[in-house]
């Protein structure tokens, strides 16, 4: 089943917010977009990480799940020098029982965001 959020930010391309298969949620990458105005937020990497993680939380809750059900996170960073700062924000959302995770630096992200986060979660 495909799912498109009503409360989180809308997709910036031709893709679904999430796909649910059986009891697993595959969430598309979340950018630090303000769902109220549909624009990338200004601010530090910490601000952008908070917004991306809040967006994930919002969409998971729409799908009757939550951050404690996240199995795997993939972080895409525009600059690996932001890794430490992102980790500090990440702990507030995904701890203390952290899911599996990968973090990779990419050449560029949509809308020139500094972070994008993608998760797989249980329903």
PDB file of N, CA and C in Angstrom:
ATOM      1  N   UNK A   1       0.838  -1.174   0.000  1.00  0.00           N
ATOM      2  CA  UNK A   1       0.000   0.000   0.000  1.00  0.00           C
ATOM      3  C   UNK A   1       0.887   1.242   0.000  1.00  0.00           C
ATOM      4  N   UNK A   2       0.640   2.153  -0.909  1.00  0.00           N
ATOM      5  CA  UNK A   2       1.361   3.423  -0.900  1.00  0.00           C
ATOM      6  C   UNK A   2       0.636   4.400   0.009  1.00  0.00           C
ATOM      7  N   UNK A   3       1.394   5.351   0.549  1.00  0.00           N
ATOM      8  CA  UNK A   3       0.848   6.317   1.497  1.00  0.00           C
ATOM      9  C   UNK A   3       1.447   7.679   1.206  1.00  0.00           C
ATOM     10  N   UNK A   4       0.594   8.699   1.198  1.00  0.00           N
ATOM     11  CA  UNK A   4       1.037  10.079   1.065  1.00  0.00           C
ATOM     12  C   UNK A   4       0.526  10.868   2.257  1.00  0.00           C
ATOM     13  N   UNK A   5       1.449  11.521   2.943  1.00  0.00           N
ATOM     14  CA  UNK A   5       1.157  12.210   4.195  1.00  0.00           C
ATOM     15  C   UNK A   5       0.164  13.356   4.032  1.00  0.00           C
ATOM     16  N   UNK A   6      -0.616  13.555   5.068  1.00  0.00           N
ATOM     17  CA  UNK A   6      -1.497  14.719   5.157  1.00  0.00           C
ATOM     18  C   UNK A   6      -0.942  15.732   6.151  1.00  0.00           C
ATOM     19  N   UNK A   7      -0.057  15.281   7.051  1.00  0.00           N
ATOM     20  CA  UNK A   7       0.459  16.138   8.123  1.00  0.00           C
ATOM     21  C   UNK A   7       1.928  16.513   7.947  1.00  0.00           C
ATOM     22  N   UNK A   8       2.681  15.684   7.263  1.00  0.00           N
ATOM     23  CA  UNK A   8       4.096  15.963   7.043  1.00  0.00           C
ATOM     24  C   UNK A   8       4.299  16.692   5.732  1.00  0.00           C
ATOM     25  N   UNK A   9       5.569  16.935   5.377  1.00  0.00           N
ATOM     26  CA  UNK A   9       5.838  17.633   4.122  1.00  0.00           C
ATOM     27  C   UNK A   9       5.498  16.768   2.910  1.00  0.00           C
ATOM     28  N   UNK A  10       5.039  17.409   1.882  1.00  0.00           N
ATOM     29  CA  UNK A  10       4.716  16.711   0.635  1.00  0.00           C
ATOM     30  C   UNK A  10       6.005  16.318  -0.089  1.00  0.00           C
ATOM     31  N   UNK A  11       5.945  15.277  -0.860  1.00  0.00           N
ATOM     32  CA  UNK A  11       7.096  14.820  -1.643  1.00  0.00           C
ATOM     33  C   UNK A  11       7.514  15.908  -2.630  1.00  0.00           C
ATOM     34  N   UNK A  12       8.818  15.996  -2.875  1.00  0.00           N
ATOM     35  CA  UNK A  12       9.320  16.993  -3.825  1.00  0.00           C
ATOM     36  C   UNK A  12       9.520  16.390  -5.214  1.00  0.00           C
ATOM     37  N   UNK A  13       9.038  15.175  -5.403  1.00  0.00           N
ATOM     38  CA  UNK A  13       9.148  14.503  -6.692  1.00  0.00           C
ATOM     39  C   UNK A  13       8.052  13.471  -6.837  1.00  0.00           C
ATOM     40  N   UNK A  14       8.103  12.687  -7.891  1.00  0.00           N
ATOM     41  CA  UNK A  14       7.064  11.687  -8.149  1.00  0.00           C
ATOM     42  C   UNK A  14       7.301  10.387  -7.374  1.00  0.00           C
ATOM     43  N   UNK A  15       7.036  10.436  -6.080  1.00  0.00           N
ATOM     44  CA  UNK A  15       7.180   9.252  -5.226  1.00  0.00           C
ATOM     45  C   UNK A  15       6.219   9.347  -4.051  1.00  0.00           C
ATOM     46  N   UNK A  16       5.947   8.220  -3.434  1.00  0.00           N
ATOM     47  CA  UNK A  16       5.071   8.156  -2.262  1.00  0.00           C
ATOM     48  C   UNK A  16       5.863   8.500  -1.010  1.00  0.00           C
ATOM     49  N   UNK A  17       5.174   9.052  -0.024  1.00  0.00           N
ATOM     50  CA  UNK A  17       5.815   9.320   1.260  1.00  0.00           C
ATOM     51  C   UNK A  17       6.319   8.021   1.870  1.00  0.00           C
ATOM     52  N   UNK A  18       5.512   6.971   1.752  1.00  0.00           N
ATOM     53  CA  UNK A  18       5.885   5.671   2.316  1.00  0.00           C
ATOM     54  C   UNK A  18       5.184   4.564   1.551  1.00  0.00           C
ATOM     55  N   UNK A  19       5.713   3.373   1.722  1.00  0.00           N
ATOM     56  CA  UNK A  19       5.059   2.157   1.256  1.00  0.00           C
ATOM     57  C   UNK A  19       4.971   1.236   2.462  1.00  0.00           C
ATOM     58  N   UNK A  20       3.792   0.679   2.681  1.00  0.00           N
ATOM     59  CA  UNK A  20       3.596  -0.268   3.772  1.00  0.00           C
ATOM     60  C   UNK A  20       3.388  -1.642   3.155  1.00  0.00           C
ATOM     61  N   UNK A  21       4.198  -2.586   3.590  1.00  0.00           N
ATOM     62  CA  UNK A  21       4.071  -3.976   3.134  1.00  0.00           C
ATOM     63  C   UNK A  21       3.990  -4.852   4.375  1.00  0.00           C
ATOM     64  N   UNK A  22       2.857  -5.513   4.508  1.00  0.00           N
ATOM     65  CA  UNK A  22       2.579  -6.291   5.713  1.00  0.00           C
ATOM     66  C   UNK A  22       2.731  -5.380   6.917  1.00  0.00           C
ATOM     67  N   UNK A  23       3.648  -5.673   7.815  1.00  0.00           N
ATOM     68  CA  UNK A  23       3.811  -4.844   9.012  1.00  0.00           C
ATOM     69  C   UNK A  23       5.090  -4.014   8.980  1.00  0.00           C
ATOM     70  N   UNK A  24       5.567  -3.706   7.779  1.00  0.00           N
ATOM     71  CA  UNK A  24       6.790  -2.921   7.647  1.00  0.00           C
ATOM     72  C   UNK A  24       6.506  -1.648   6.861  1.00  0.00           C
ATOM     73  N   UNK A  25       7.035  -0.537   7.378  1.00  0.00           N
ATOM     74  CA  UNK A  25       6.895   0.775   6.747  1.00  0.00           C
ATOM     75  C   UNK A  25       8.236   1.148   6.126  1.00  0.00           C
ATOM     76  N   UNK A  26       8.215   1.450   4.843  1.00  0.00           N
ATOM     77  CA  UNK A  26       9.398   1.923   4.132  1.00  0.00           C
ATOM     78  C   UNK A  26       9.164   3.404   3.838  1.00  0.00           C
ATOM     79  N   UNK A  27       9.810   4.253   4.609  1.00  0.00           N
ATOM     80  CA  UNK A  27       9.594   5.689   4.497  1.00  0.00           C
ATOM     81  C   UNK A  27      10.603   6.291   3.526  1.00  0.00           C
ATOM     82  N   UNK A  28      10.123   7.070   2.574  1.00  0.00           N
ATOM     83  CA  UNK A  28      11.020   7.769   1.652  1.00  0.00           C
ATOM     84  C   UNK A  28      11.876   8.757   2.431  1.00  0.00           C
ATOM     85  N   UNK A  29      12.962   9.195   1.811  1.00  0.00           N
ATOM     86  CA  UNK A  29      13.841  10.157   2.465  1.00  0.00           C
ATOM     87  C   UNK A  29      13.094  11.418   2.862  1.00  0.00           C
ATOM     88  N   UNK A  30      13.338  11.849   4.093  1.00  0.00           N
ATOM     89  CA  UNK A  30      12.714  13.066   4.619  1.00  0.00           C
ATOM     90  C   UNK A  30      13.740  14.184   4.643  1.00  0.00           C
ATOM     91  N   UNK A  31      13.373  15.271   4.035  1.00  0.00           N
ATOM     92  CA  UNK A  31      14.183  16.479   4.042  1.00  0.00           C
ATOM     93  C   UNK A  31      13.715  17.388   5.175  1.00  0.00           C
ATOM     94  N   UNK A  32      14.519  18.380   5.540  1.00  0.00           N
ATOM     95  CA  UNK A  32      14.114  19.328   6.577  1.00  0.00           C
ATOM     96  C   UNK A  32      13.167  20.400   6.024  1.00  0.00           C
ATOM     97  N   UNK A  33      12.007  19.956   5.609  1.00  0.00           N
ATOM     98  CA  UNK A  33      11.000  20.846   5.032  1.00  0.00           C
ATOM     99  C   UNK A  33       9.956  21.161   6.092  1.00  0.00           C
ATOM    100  N   UNK A  34       9.599  22.422   6.191  1.00  0.00           N
ATOM    101  CA  UNK A  34       8.520  22.840   7.084  1.00  0.00           C
ATOM    102  C   UNK A  34       7.203  22.426   6.438  1.00  0.00           C
ATOM    103  N   UNK A  35       6.436  21.532   7.082  1.00  0.00           N
ATOM    104  CA  UNK A  35       5.189  21.075   6.463  1.00  0.00           C
ATOM    105  C   UNK A  35       4.138  22.179   6.322  1.00  0.00           C
ATOM    106  N   UNK A  36       4.284  23.261   7.079  1.00  0.00           N
ATOM    107  CA  UNK A  36       3.315  24.356   7.007  1.00  0.00           C
ATOM    108  C   UNK A  36       3.424  25.146   5.705  1.00  0.00           C
ATOM    109  N   UNK A  37       4.668  25.363   5.245  1.00  0.00           N
ATOM    110  CA  UNK A  37       4.831  26.177   4.034  1.00  0.00           C
ATOM    111  C   UNK A  37       5.484  25.416   2.874  1.00  0.00           C
ATOM    112  N   UNK A  38       5.909  24.172   3.121  1.00  0.00           N
ATOM    113  CA  UNK A  38       6.503  23.363   2.069  1.00  0.00           C
ATOM    114  C   UNK A  38       7.894  23.780   1.647  1.00  0.00           C
ATOM    115  N   UNK A  39       8.553  24.597   2.474  1.00  0.00           N
ATOM    116  CA  UNK A  39       9.884  25.091   2.118  1.00  0.00           C
ATOM    117  C   UNK A  39      10.953  24.498   3.034  1.00  0.00           C
ATOM    118  N   UNK A  40      12.151  24.361   2.485  1.00  0.00           N
ATOM    119  CA  UNK A  40      13.300  23.931   3.262  1.00  0.00           C
ATOM    120  C   UNK A  40      13.548  24.960   4.356  1.00  0.00           C
ATOM    121  N   UNK A  41      13.784  24.495   5.587  1.00  0.00           N
ATOM    122  CA  UNK A  41      14.011  25.456   6.661  1.00  0.00           C
ATOM    123  C   UNK A  41      15.411  26.049   6.549  1.00  0.00           C
ATOM    124  N   UNK A  42      15.553  27.281   6.991  1.00  0.00           N
ATOM    125  CA  UNK A  42      16.862  27.910   7.116  1.00  0.00           C
ATOM    126  C   UNK A  42      17.444  27.465   8.447  1.00  0.00           C
ATOM    127  N   UNK A  43      18.729  27.609   8.597  1.00  0.00           N
ATOM    128  CA  UNK A  43      19.314  27.324   9.892  1.00  0.00           C
ATOM    129  C   UNK A  43      20.483  26.373   9.824  1.00  0.00           C
ATOM    130  N   UNK A  44      20.946  26.022  11.009  1.00  0.00           N
ATOM    131  CA  UNK A  44      22.123  25.178  11.180  1.00  0.00           C
ATOM    132  C   UNK A  44      21.823  23.734  10.805  1.00  0.00           C
ATOM    133  N   UNK A  45      22.870  22.924  10.777  1.00  0.00           N
ATOM    134  CA  UNK A  45      22.670  21.493  10.547  1.00  0.00           C
ATOM    135  C   UNK A  45      21.824  20.901  11.666  1.00  0.00           C
ATOM    136  N   UNK A  46      21.989  21.400  12.882  1.00  0.00           N
ATOM    137  CA  UNK A  46      21.159  20.912  13.987  1.00  0.00           C
ATOM    138  C   UNK A  46      19.691  21.221  13.735  1.00  0.00           C
ATOM    139  N   UNK A  47      19.401  22.432  13.283  1.00  0.00           N
ATOM    140  CA  UNK A  47      18.017  22.815  12.972  1.00  0.00           C
ATOM    141  C   UNK A  47      17.450  21.922  11.870  1.00  0.00           C
ATOM    142  N   UNK A  48      18.249  21.692  10.835  1.00  0.00           N
ATOM    143  CA  UNK A  48      17.774  20.861   9.730  1.00  0.00           C
ATOM    144  C   UNK A  48      17.578  19.411  10.168  1.00  0.00           C
ATOM    145  N   UNK A  49      18.473  18.895  11.007  1.00  0.00           N
ATOM    146  CA  UNK A  49      18.316  17.522  11.506  1.00  0.00           C
ATOM    147  C   UNK A  49      17.046  17.402  12.348  1.00  0.00           C
ATOM    148  N   UNK A  50      16.827  18.361  13.248  1.00  0.00           N
ATOM    149  CA  UNK A  50      15.600  18.344  14.062  1.00  0.00           C
ATOM    150  C   UNK A  50      14.368  18.290  13.165  1.00  0.00           C
ATOM    151  N   UNK A  51      14.330  19.115  12.128  1.00  0.00           N
ATOM    152  CA  UNK A  51      13.148  19.163  11.269  1.00  0.00           C
ATOM    153  C   UNK A  51      12.961  17.858  10.508  1.00  0.00           C
ATOM    154  N   UNK A  52      14.033  17.308   9.977  1.00  0.00           N
ATOM    155  CA  UNK A  52      13.922  16.033   9.254  1.00  0.00           C
ATOM    156  C   UNK A  52      13.403  14.936  10.182  1.00  0.00           C
ATOM    157  N   UNK A  53      13.922  14.873  11.411  1.00  0.00           N
ATOM    158  CA  UNK A  53      13.497  13.836  12.353  1.00  0.00           C
ATOM    159  C   UNK A  53      12.065  14.071  12.834  1.00  0.00           C
ATOM    160  N   UNK A  54      11.680  15.339  13.006  1.00  0.00           N
ATOM    161  CA  UNK A  54      10.276  15.639  13.366  1.00  0.00           C
ATOM    162  C   UNK A  54       9.340  15.184  12.255  1.00  0.00           C
ATOM    163  N   UNK A  55       9.747  15.396  11.015  1.00  0.00           N
ATOM    164  CA  UNK A  55       8.922  14.970   9.883  1.00  0.00           C
ATOM    165  C   UNK A  55       8.754  13.453   9.872  1.00  0.00           C
ATOM    166  N   UNK A  56       9.821  12.736  10.169  1.00  0.00           N
ATOM    167  CA  UNK A  56       9.737  11.274  10.253  1.00  0.00           C
ATOM    168  C   UNK A  56       8.759  10.872  11.345  1.00  0.00           C
ATOM    169  N   UNK A  57       8.884  11.486  12.501  1.00  0.00           N
ATOM    170  CA  UNK A  57       7.990  11.192  13.632  1.00  0.00           C
ATOM    171  C   UNK A  57       6.531  11.419  13.237  1.00  0.00           C
ATOM    172  N   UNK A  58       6.259  12.534  12.597  1.00  0.00           N
ATOM    173  CA  UNK A  58       4.895  12.878  12.182  1.00  0.00           C
ATOM    174  C   UNK A  58       4.315  11.826  11.242  1.00  0.00           C
ATOM    175  N   UNK A  59       5.080  11.446  10.238  1.00  0.00           N
ATOM    176  CA  UNK A  59       4.581  10.475   9.257  1.00  0.00           C
ATOM    177  C   UNK A  59       4.396   9.103   9.894  1.00  0.00           C
ATOM    178  N   UNK A  60       5.338   8.683  10.721  1.00  0.00           N
ATOM    179  CA  UNK A  60       5.180   7.387  11.392  1.00  0.00           C
ATOM    180  C   UNK A  60       3.925   7.370  12.256  1.00  0.00           C
ATOM    181  N   UNK A  61       3.658   8.462  12.955  1.00  0.00           N
ATOM    182  CA  UNK A  61       2.451   8.527  13.784  1.00  0.00           C
ATOM    183  C   UNK A  61       1.190   8.469  12.933  1.00  0.00           C
ATOM    184  N   UNK A  62       1.212   9.077  11.759  1.00  0.00           N
ATOM    185  CA  UNK A  62       0.071   8.961  10.840  1.00  0.00           C
ATOM    186  C   UNK A  62      -0.183   7.508  10.456  1.00  0.00           C
ATOM    187  N   UNK A  63       0.885   6.737  10.416  1.00  0.00           N
ATOM    188  CA  UNK A  63       0.786   5.329  10.034  1.00  0.00           C
ATOM    189  C   UNK A  63       0.663   4.409  11.254  1.00  0.00           C
ATOM    190  N   UNK A  64       0.316   4.996  12.389  1.00  0.00           N
ATOM    191  CA  UNK A  64       0.120   4.256  13.644  1.00  0.00           C
ATOM    192  C   UNK A  64       1.379   3.514  14.078  1.00  0.00           C
ATOM    193  N   UNK A  65       2.516   4.185  13.943  1.00  0.00           N
ATOM    194  CA  UNK A  65       3.794   3.685  14.418  1.00  0.00           C
ATOM    195  C   UNK A  65       4.467   4.837  15.159  1.00  0.00           C
ATOM    196  N   UNK A  66       5.717   4.660  15.542  1.00  0.00           N
ATOM    197  CA  UNK A  66       6.460   5.741  16.192  1.00  0.00           C
ATOM    198  C   UNK A  66       7.952   5.469  16.092  1.00  0.00           C
ATOM    199  N   UNK A  67       8.737   6.395  16.626  1.00  0.00           N
ATOM    200  CA  UNK A  67      10.189   6.293  16.504  1.00  0.00           C
ATOM    201  C   UNK A  67      10.768   5.067  17.202  1.00  0.00           C
ATOM    202  N   UNK A  68      10.083   4.538  18.204  1.00  0.00           N
ATOM    203  CA  UNK A  68      10.594   3.340  18.890  1.00  0.00           C
ATOM    204  C   UNK A  68      10.498   2.104  18.008  1.00  0.00           C
ATOM    205  N   UNK A  69       9.741   2.191  16.931  1.00  0.00           N
ATOM    206  CA  UNK A  69       9.555   1.059  16.022  1.00  0.00           C
ATOM    207  C   UNK A  69      10.509   1.093  14.825  1.00  0.00           C
ATOM    208  N   UNK A  70      11.378   2.102  14.781  1.00  0.00           N
ATOM    209  CA  UNK A  70      12.312   2.226  13.659  1.00  0.00           C
ATOM    210  C   UNK A  70      13.357   1.115  13.741  1.00  0.00           C
ATOM    211  N   UNK A  71      13.525   0.423  12.623  1.00  0.00           N
ATOM    212  CA  UNK A  71      14.468  -0.692  12.535  1.00  0.00           C
ATOM    213  C   UNK A  71      15.807  -0.269  11.942  1.00  0.00           C
ATOM    214  N   UNK A  72      15.754   0.648  10.959  1.00  0.00           N
ATOM    215  CA  UNK A  72      16.957   1.044  10.223  1.00  0.00           C
ATOM    216  C   UNK A  72      16.818   2.484   9.769  1.00  0.00           C
ATOM    217  N   UNK A  73      17.893   3.243   9.909  1.00  0.00           N
ATOM    218  CA  UNK A  73      17.952   4.634   9.460  1.00  0.00           C
ATOM    219  C   UNK A  73      19.109   4.764   8.479  1.00  0.00           C
ATOM    220  N   UNK A  74      18.873   5.474   7.397  1.00  0.00           N
ATOM    221  CA  UNK A  74      19.960   5.855   6.500  1.00  0.00           C
ATOM    222  C   UNK A  74      19.999   7.374   6.460  1.00  0.00           C
ATOM    223  N   UNK A  75      21.149   7.928   6.831  1.00  0.00           N
ATOM    224  CA  UNK A  75      21.349   9.375   6.799  1.00  0.00           C
ATOM    225  C   UNK A  75      22.184   9.730   5.580  1.00  0.00           C
ATOM    226  N   UNK A  76      21.740  10.739   4.870  1.00  0.00           N
ATOM    227  CA  UNK A  76      22.485  11.283   3.746  1.00  0.00           C
ATOM    228  C   UNK A  76      22.914  12.690   4.151  1.00  0.00           C
ATOM    229  N   UNK A  77      24.207  12.931   4.184  1.00  0.00           N
ATOM    230  CA  UNK A  77      24.738  14.223   4.606  1.00  0.00           C
ATOM    231  C   UNK A  77      25.457  14.898   3.445  1.00  0.00           C
ATOM    232  N   UNK A  78      25.235  16.196   3.305  1.00  0.00           N
ATOM    233  CA  UNK A  78      25.945  16.951   2.279  1.00  0.00           C
ATOM    234  C   UNK A  78      27.406  17.155   2.672  1.00  0.00           C
ATOM    235  N   UNK A  79      27.690  17.090   3.982  1.00  0.00           N
ATOM    236  CA  UNK A  79      29.052  17.294   4.475  1.00  0.00           C
ATOM    237  C   UNK A  79      29.279  16.387   5.678  1.00  0.00           C
ATOM    238  N   UNK A  80      30.198  15.456   5.580  1.00  0.00           N
ATOM    239  CA  UNK A  80      30.457  14.526   6.676  1.00  0.00           C
ATOM    240  C   UNK A  80      31.013  15.240   7.905  1.00  0.00           C
ATOM    241  N   UNK A  81      31.463  16.476   7.757  1.00  0.00           N
ATOM    242  CA  UNK A  81      31.877  17.260   8.924  1.00  0.00           C
ATOM    243  C   UNK A  81      30.696  17.555   9.845  1.00  0.00           C
ATOM    244  N   UNK A  82      29.472  17.375   9.359  1.00  0.00           N
ATOM    245  CA  UNK A  82      28.269  17.572  10.175  1.00  0.00           C
ATOM    246  C   UNK A  82      27.897  16.329  10.983  1.00  0.00           C
ATOM    247  N   UNK A  83      28.627  15.247  10.808  1.00  0.00           N
ATOM    248  CA  UNK A  83      28.301  13.955  11.425  1.00  0.00           C
ATOM    249  C   UNK A  83      28.135  14.057  12.942  1.00  0.00           C
ATOM    250  N   UNK A  84      29.079  14.689  13.623  1.00  0.00           N
ATOM    251  CA  UNK A  84      29.022  14.791  15.089  1.00  0.00           C
ATOM    252  C   UNK A  84      27.798  15.589  15.538  1.00  0.00           C
ATOM    253  N   UNK A  85      27.540  16.701  14.907  1.00  0.00           N
ATOM    254  CA  UNK A  85      26.390  17.533  15.283  1.00  0.00           C
ATOM    255  C   UNK A  85      25.079  16.792  15.042  1.00  0.00           C
ATOM    256  N   UNK A  86      24.985  16.075  13.937  1.00  0.00           N
ATOM    257  CA  UNK A  86      23.775  15.299  13.639  1.00  0.00           C
ATOM    258  C   UNK A  86      23.591  14.196  14.676  1.00  0.00           C
ATOM    259  N   UNK A  87      24.678  13.555  15.084  1.00  0.00           N
ATOM    260  CA  UNK A  87      24.583  12.508  16.106  1.00  0.00           C
ATOM    261  C   UNK A  87      23.987  13.033  17.404  1.00  0.00           C
ATOM    262  N   UNK A  88      24.333  14.248  17.783  1.00  0.00           N
ATOM    263  CA  UNK A  88      23.796  14.825  19.020  1.00  0.00           C
ATOM    264  C   UNK A  88      22.282  15.004  18.926  1.00  0.00           C
ATOM    265  N   UNK A  89      21.800  15.453  17.798  1.00  0.00           N
ATOM    266  CA  UNK A  89      20.357  15.612  17.594  1.00  0.00           C
ATOM    267  C   UNK A  89      19.691  14.240  17.492  1.00  0.00           C
ATOM    268  N   UNK A  90      20.311  13.353  16.771  1.00  0.00           N
ATOM    269  CA  UNK A  90      19.791  11.999  16.539  1.00  0.00           C
ATOM    270  C   UNK A  90      19.475  11.290  17.856  1.00  0.00           C
ATOM    271  N   UNK A  91      20.368  11.435  18.842  1.00  0.00           N
ATOM    272  CA  UNK A  91      20.187  10.770  20.142  1.00  0.00           C
ATOM    273  C   UNK A  91      18.869  11.155  20.800  1.00  0.00           C
ATOM    274  N   UNK A  92      18.434  12.388  20.594  1.00  0.00           N
ATOM    275  CA  UNK A  92      17.179  12.862  21.204  1.00  0.00           C
ATOM    276  C   UNK A  92      15.951  12.188  20.606  1.00  0.00           C
ATOM    277  N   UNK A  93      16.058  11.684  19.405  1.00  0.00           N
ATOM    278  CA  UNK A  93      14.906  11.102  18.718  1.00  0.00           C
ATOM    279  C   UNK A  93      14.905   9.574  18.722  1.00  0.00           C
ATOM    280  N   UNK A  94      16.069   8.970  18.625  1.00  0.00           N
ATOM    281  CA  UNK A  94      16.121   7.529  18.388  1.00  0.00           C
ATOM    282  C   UNK A  94      16.703   6.705  19.538  1.00  0.00           C
ATOM    283  N   UNK A  95      17.158   7.348  20.618  1.00  0.00           N
ATOM    284  CA  UNK A  95      17.730   6.597  21.734  1.00  0.00           C
ATOM    285  C   UNK A  95      16.675   6.191  22.729  1.00  0.00           C
ATOM    286  N   UNK A  96      17.016   5.402  23.731  1.00  0.00           N
ATOM    287  CA  UNK A  96      18.338   4.838  23.985  1.00  0.00           C
ATOM    288  C   UNK A  96      18.579   3.509  23.259  1.00  0.00           C
ATOM    289  N   UNK A  97      17.544   2.908  22.717  1.00  0.00           N
ATOM    290  CA  UNK A  97      17.700   1.642  21.981  1.00  0.00           C
ATOM    291  C   UNK A  97      17.782   1.960  20.491  1.00  0.00           C
ATOM    292  N   UNK A  98      18.973   2.300  20.066  1.00  0.00           N
ATOM    293  CA  UNK A  98      19.169   2.812  18.716  1.00  0.00           C
ATOM    294  C   UNK A  98      18.946   1.755  17.640  1.00  0.00           C
ATOM    295  N   UNK A  99      18.295   2.149  16.542  1.00  0.00           N
ATOM    296  CA  UNK A  99      18.140   1.227  15.408  1.00  0.00           C
ATOM    297  C   UNK A  99      19.465   1.078  14.659  1.00  0.00           C
ATOM    298  N   UNK A 100      19.508   0.124  13.749  1.00  0.00           N
ATOM    299  CA  UNK A 100      20.649   0.015  12.838  1.00  0.00           C
ATOM    300  C   UNK A 100      20.706   1.299  12.010  1.00  0.00           C
ATOM    301  N   UNK A 101      21.914   1.663  11.552  1.00  0.00           N
ATOM    302  CA  UNK A 101      22.025   2.932  10.840  1.00  0.00           C
ATOM    303  C   UNK A 101      23.219   2.952   9.908  1.00  0.00           C
ATOM    304  N   UNK A 102      23.058   3.680   8.827  1.00  0.00           N
ATOM    305  CA  UNK A 102      24.161   4.015   7.925  1.00  0.00           C
ATOM    306  C   UNK A 102      24.156   5.524   7.763  1.00  0.00           C
ATOM    307  N   UNK A 103      25.327   6.092   7.529  1.00  0.00           N
ATOM    308  CA  UNK A 103      25.435   7.521   7.237  1.00  0.00           C
ATOM    309  C   UNK A 103      26.425   7.672   6.096  1.00  0.00           C
ATOM    310  N   UNK A 104      26.001   8.370   5.061  1.00  0.00           N
ATOM    311  CA  UNK A 104      26.856   8.549   3.892  1.00  0.00           C
ATOM    312  C   UNK A 104      26.859  10.011   3.461  1.00  0.00           C
ATOM    313  N   UNK A 105      27.999  10.442   2.950  1.00  0.00           N
ATOM    314  CA  UNK A 105      28.081  11.775   2.374  1.00  0.00           C
ATOM    315  C   UNK A 105      27.716  11.679   0.905  1.00  0.00           C
ATOM    316  N   UNK A 106      26.944  12.642   0.446  1.00  0.00           N
ATOM    317  CA  UNK A 106      26.533  12.690  -0.956  1.00  0.00           C
ATOM    318  C   UNK A 106      26.966  14.025  -1.562  1.00  0.00           C
ATOM    319  N   UNK A 107      27.044  14.071  -2.869  1.00  0.00           N
ATOM    320  CA  UNK A 107      27.486  15.287  -3.542  1.00  0.00           C
ATOM    321  C   UNK A 107      26.482  16.426  -3.379  1.00  0.00           C
ATOM    322  N   UNK A 108      25.201  16.073  -3.395  1.00  0.00           N
ATOM    323  CA  UNK A 108      24.172  17.108  -3.299  1.00  0.00           C
ATOM    324  C   UNK A 108      22.847  16.457  -2.961  1.00  0.00           C
ATOM    325  N   UNK A 109      22.005  17.185  -2.218  1.00  0.00           N
ATOM    326  CA  UNK A 109      20.672  16.708  -1.855  1.00  0.00           C
ATOM    327  C   UNK A 109      19.611  17.600  -2.489  1.00  0.00           C
ATOM    328  N   UNK A 110      18.392  17.087  -2.661  1.00  0.00           N
ATOM    329  CA  UNK A 110      17.321  17.917  -3.210  1.00  0.00           C
ATOM    330  C   UNK A 110      17.146  19.209  -2.406  1.00  0.00           C
ATOM    331  N   UNK A 111      16.848  20.270  -3.104  1.00  0.00           N
ATOM    332  CA  UNK A 111      16.626  21.598  -2.530  1.00  0.00           C
ATOM    333  C   UNK A 111      17.860  22.140  -1.818  1.00  0.00           C
ATOM    334  N   UNK A 112      19.005  21.521  -2.051  1.00  0.00           N
ATOM    335  CA  UNK A 112      20.259  21.883  -1.383  1.00  0.00           C
ATOM    336  C   UNK A 112      20.185  21.731   0.135  1.00  0.00           C
ATOM    337  N   UNK A 113      19.399  20.765   0.589  1.00  0.00           N
ATOM    338  CA  UNK A 113      19.345  20.445   2.019  1.00  0.00           C
ATOM    339  C   UNK A 113      20.712  19.937   2.459  1.00  0.00           C
ATOM    340  N   UNK A 114      20.961  20.009   3.765  1.00  0.00           N
ATOM    341  CA  UNK A 114      22.216  19.494   4.317  1.00  0.00           C
ATOM    342  C   UNK A 114      22.065  18.069   4.829  1.00  0.00           C
ATOM    343  N   UNK A 115      20.807  17.616   5.010  1.00  0.00           N
ATOM    344  CA  UNK A 115      20.550  16.274   5.518  1.00  0.00           C
ATOM    345  C   UNK A 115      19.268  15.726   4.905  1.00  0.00           C
ATOM    346  N   UNK A 116      19.243  14.430   4.709  1.00  0.00           N
ATOM    347  CA  UNK A 116      18.036  13.689   4.343  1.00  0.00           C
ATOM    348  C   UNK A 116      18.100  12.389   5.136  1.00  0.00           C
ATOM    349  N   UNK A 117      16.971  11.958   5.672  1.00  0.00           N
ATOM    350  CA  UNK A 117      16.937  10.730   6.472  1.00  0.00           C
ATOM    351  C   UNK A 117      15.822   9.828   5.971  1.00  0.00           C
ATOM    352  N   UNK A 118      16.148   8.558   5.855  1.00  0.00           N
ATOM    353  CA  UNK A 118      15.210   7.543   5.364  1.00  0.00           C
ATOM    354  C   UNK A 118      15.135   6.444   6.424  1.00  0.00           C
ATOM    355  N   UNK A 119      13.928   5.951   6.695  1.00  0.00           N
ATOM    356  CA  UNK A 119      13.796   4.909   7.718  1.00  0.00           C
ATOM    357  C   UNK A 119      12.937   3.748   7.241  1.00  0.00           C
ATOM    358  N   UNK A 120      13.194   2.615   7.860  1.00  0.00           N
ATOM    359  CA  UNK A 120      12.338   1.441   7.769  1.00  0.00           C
ATOM    360  C   UNK A 120      11.866   1.183   9.189  1.00  0.00           C
ATOM    361  N   UNK A 121      10.561   0.976   9.357  1.00  0.00           N
ATOM    362  CA  UNK A 121      10.007   0.808  10.701  1.00  0.00           C
ATOM    363  C   UNK A 121       8.962  -0.292  10.718  1.00  0.00           C
ATOM    364  N   UNK A 122       8.743  -0.836  11.897  1.00  0.00           N
ATOM    365  CA  UNK A 122       7.654  -1.787  12.097  1.00  0.00           C
ATOM    366  C   UNK A 122       6.371  -1.005  12.312  1.00  0.00           C
ATOM    367  N   UNK A 123       5.259  -1.618  11.974  1.00  0.00           N
ATOM    368  CA  UNK A 123       3.956  -0.968  12.156  1.00  0.00           C
ATOM    369  C   UNK A 123       3.360  -1.383  13.481  1.00  0.00           C
TER     370      UNK A 123
END
